[in-house]
């Protein structure tokens, strides 16, 4: 008594088809299928990634921190570049 019968499921499916149309449902199904496929691929890539990550840890680039004083320009260069921008 508490379950959904096959007839109730068919009526619900008919109402959904009437509301959205078959074309929209077809594209929705295709999008859902490609999303599931991409999810499965990402999961399988994550399982293979830890072995590759261990190898790539030694190949990381060494970045040195720059000082703010090194990045500042002398006053002469900033005024000429501002003048060039004004002329354009």
C-alpha atoms as a PDB file:
ATOM      1  CA  UNK A   1       0.000   0.000   0.000  1.00  0.00           C
ATOM      2  CA  UNK A   2       2.790   2.435   0.790  1.00  0.00           C
ATOM      3  CA  UNK A   3       4.809   1.880  -2.415  1.00  0.00           C
ATOM      4  CA  UNK A   4       4.532   3.497  -5.814  1.00  0.00           C
ATOM      5  CA  UNK A   5       2.943   1.285  -8.437  1.00  0.00           C
ATOM      6  CA  UNK A   6       3.945   1.046 -12.095  1.00  0.00           C
ATOM      7  CA  UNK A   7       0.863   3.016 -13.145  1.00  0.00           C
ATOM      8  CA  UNK A   8       1.786   5.936 -10.911  1.00  0.00           C
ATOM      9  CA  UNK A   9       5.319   5.955 -12.340  1.00  0.00           C
ATOM     10  CA  UNK A  10       3.921   5.953 -15.899  1.00  0.00           C
ATOM     11  CA  UNK A  11       1.620   8.886 -15.115  1.00  0.00           C
ATOM     12  CA  UNK A  12       4.534  10.846 -13.614  1.00  0.00           C
ATOM     13  CA  UNK A  13       6.706  10.069 -16.662  1.00  0.00           C
ATOM     14  CA  UNK A  14       3.899  11.186 -19.008  1.00  0.00           C
ATOM     15  CA  UNK A  15       3.502  14.488 -17.144  1.00  0.00           C
ATOM     16  CA  UNK A  16       7.266  15.113 -17.290  1.00  0.00           C
ATOM     17  CA  UNK A  17       7.326  14.431 -21.048  1.00  0.00           C
ATOM     18  CA  UNK A  18       4.376  16.777 -21.579  1.00  0.00           C
ATOM     19  CA  UNK A  19       6.000  19.544 -19.530  1.00  0.00           C
ATOM     20  CA  UNK A  20       9.528  19.432 -20.924  1.00  0.00           C
ATOM     21  CA  UNK A  21       9.227  17.749 -24.308  1.00  0.00           C
ATOM     22  CA  UNK A  22      11.241  14.869 -25.701  1.00  0.00           C
ATOM     23  CA  UNK A  23      13.988  17.003 -27.262  1.00  0.00           C
ATOM     24  CA  UNK A  24      14.833  18.746 -24.021  1.00  0.00           C
ATOM     25  CA  UNK A  25      14.766  15.455 -22.104  1.00  0.00           C
ATOM     26  CA  UNK A  26      17.055  13.865 -24.699  1.00  0.00           C
ATOM     27  CA  UNK A  27      19.648  16.635 -24.353  1.00  0.00           C
ATOM     28  CA  UNK A  28      19.326  16.482 -20.575  1.00  0.00           C
ATOM     29  CA  UNK A  29      20.008  12.737 -20.674  1.00  0.00           C
ATOM     30  CA  UNK A  30      23.038  13.244 -22.914  1.00  0.00           C
ATOM     31  CA  UNK A  31      24.418  15.939 -20.631  1.00  0.00           C
ATOM     32  CA  UNK A  32      23.866  13.765 -17.588  1.00  0.00           C
ATOM     33  CA  UNK A  33      25.600  10.826 -19.277  1.00  0.00           C
ATOM     34  CA  UNK A  34      28.637  12.904 -20.242  1.00  0.00           C
ATOM     35  CA  UNK A  35      28.828  14.298 -16.703  1.00  0.00           C
ATOM     36  CA  UNK A  36      28.855  10.792 -15.237  1.00  0.00           C
ATOM     37  CA  UNK A  37      31.486   9.724 -17.753  1.00  0.00           C
ATOM     38  CA  UNK A  38      33.682  12.709 -16.870  1.00  0.00           C
ATOM     39  CA  UNK A  39      33.232  11.996 -13.165  1.00  0.00           C
ATOM     40  CA  UNK A  40      34.337   8.383 -13.615  1.00  0.00           C
ATOM     41  CA  UNK A  41      37.363   9.534 -15.609  1.00  0.00           C
ATOM     42  CA  UNK A  42      38.321  12.033 -12.900  1.00  0.00           C
ATOM     43  CA  UNK A  43      38.044   9.353 -10.230  1.00  0.00           C
ATOM     44  CA  UNK A  44      40.271   6.979 -12.190  1.00  0.00           C
ATOM     45  CA  UNK A  45      42.787   9.800 -12.811  1.00  0.00           C
ATOM     46  CA  UNK A  46      42.902  10.580  -9.091  1.00  0.00           C
ATOM     47  CA  UNK A  47      43.790   6.974  -8.317  1.00  0.00           C
ATOM     48  CA  UNK A  48      46.697   7.093 -10.766  1.00  0.00           C
ATOM     49  CA  UNK A  49      47.833  10.577  -9.682  1.00  0.00           C
ATOM     50  CA  UNK A  50      49.535   9.758  -6.332  1.00  0.00           C
ATOM     51  CA  UNK A  51      52.188   7.627  -8.041  1.00  0.00           C
ATOM     52  CA  UNK A  52      52.881  10.362 -10.575  1.00  0.00           C
ATOM     53  CA  UNK A  53      52.868  13.023  -7.861  1.00  0.00           C
ATOM     54  CA  UNK A  54      55.647  11.299  -5.939  1.00  0.00           C
ATOM     55  CA  UNK A  55      57.851  11.454  -9.019  1.00  0.00           C
ATOM     56  CA  UNK A  56      57.031  15.087  -9.782  1.00  0.00           C
ATOM     57  CA  UNK A  57      57.687  16.341  -6.227  1.00  0.00           C
ATOM     58  CA  UNK A  58      61.413  16.350  -6.895  1.00  0.00           C
ATOM     59  CA  UNK A  59      60.984  18.320 -10.123  1.00  0.00           C
ATOM     60  CA  UNK A  60      59.332  21.402  -8.606  1.00  0.00           C
ATOM     61  CA  UNK A  61      60.800  24.746  -9.539  1.00  0.00           C
ATOM     62  CA  UNK A  62      62.607  26.796  -6.914  1.00  0.00           C
ATOM     63  CA  UNK A  63      61.130  30.241  -6.621  1.00  0.00           C
ATOM     64  CA  UNK A  64      62.946  32.964  -4.785  1.00  0.00           C
ATOM     65  CA  UNK A  65      61.085  35.724  -3.052  1.00  0.00           C
ATOM     66  CA  UNK A  66      61.738  39.137  -4.559  1.00  0.00           C
ATOM     67  CA  UNK A  67      62.081  42.155  -2.398  1.00  0.00           C
ATOM     68  CA  UNK A  68      59.709  45.043  -2.929  1.00  0.00           C
ATOM     69  CA  UNK A  69      62.628  47.463  -3.201  1.00  0.00           C
ATOM     70  CA  UNK A  70      63.939  45.521  -6.228  1.00  0.00           C
ATOM     71  CA  UNK A  71      60.661  45.945  -8.080  1.00  0.00           C
ATOM     72  CA  UNK A  72      60.388  49.737  -7.687  1.00  0.00           C
ATOM     73  CA  UNK A  73      61.510  51.849 -10.610  1.00  0.00           C
ATOM     74  CA  UNK A  74      63.490  55.029 -10.340  1.00  0.00           C
ATOM     75  CA  UNK A  75      61.410  58.219 -10.565  1.00  0.00           C
ATOM     76  CA  UNK A  76      62.847  59.103 -13.994  1.00  0.00           C
ATOM     77  CA  UNK A  77      61.421  56.008 -15.682  1.00  0.00           C
ATOM     78  CA  UNK A  78      57.924  56.379 -14.235  1.00  0.00           C
ATOM     79  CA  UNK A  79      57.538  59.965 -15.419  1.00  0.00           C
ATOM     80  CA  UNK A  80      58.655  59.177 -18.967  1.00  0.00           C
ATOM     81  CA  UNK A  81      56.312  56.207 -19.217  1.00  0.00           C
ATOM     82  CA  UNK A  82      53.431  58.360 -17.953  1.00  0.00           C
ATOM     83  CA  UNK A  83      54.244  60.982 -20.583  1.00  0.00           C
ATOM     84  CA  UNK A  84      54.294  58.325 -23.286  1.00  0.00           C
ATOM     85  CA  UNK A  85      50.864  57.121 -22.225  1.00  0.00           C
ATOM     86  CA  UNK A  86      49.492  60.674 -22.261  1.00  0.00           C
ATOM     87  CA  UNK A  87      50.738  61.271 -25.794  1.00  0.00           C
ATOM     88  CA  UNK A  88      49.013  58.178 -27.149  1.00  0.00           C
END
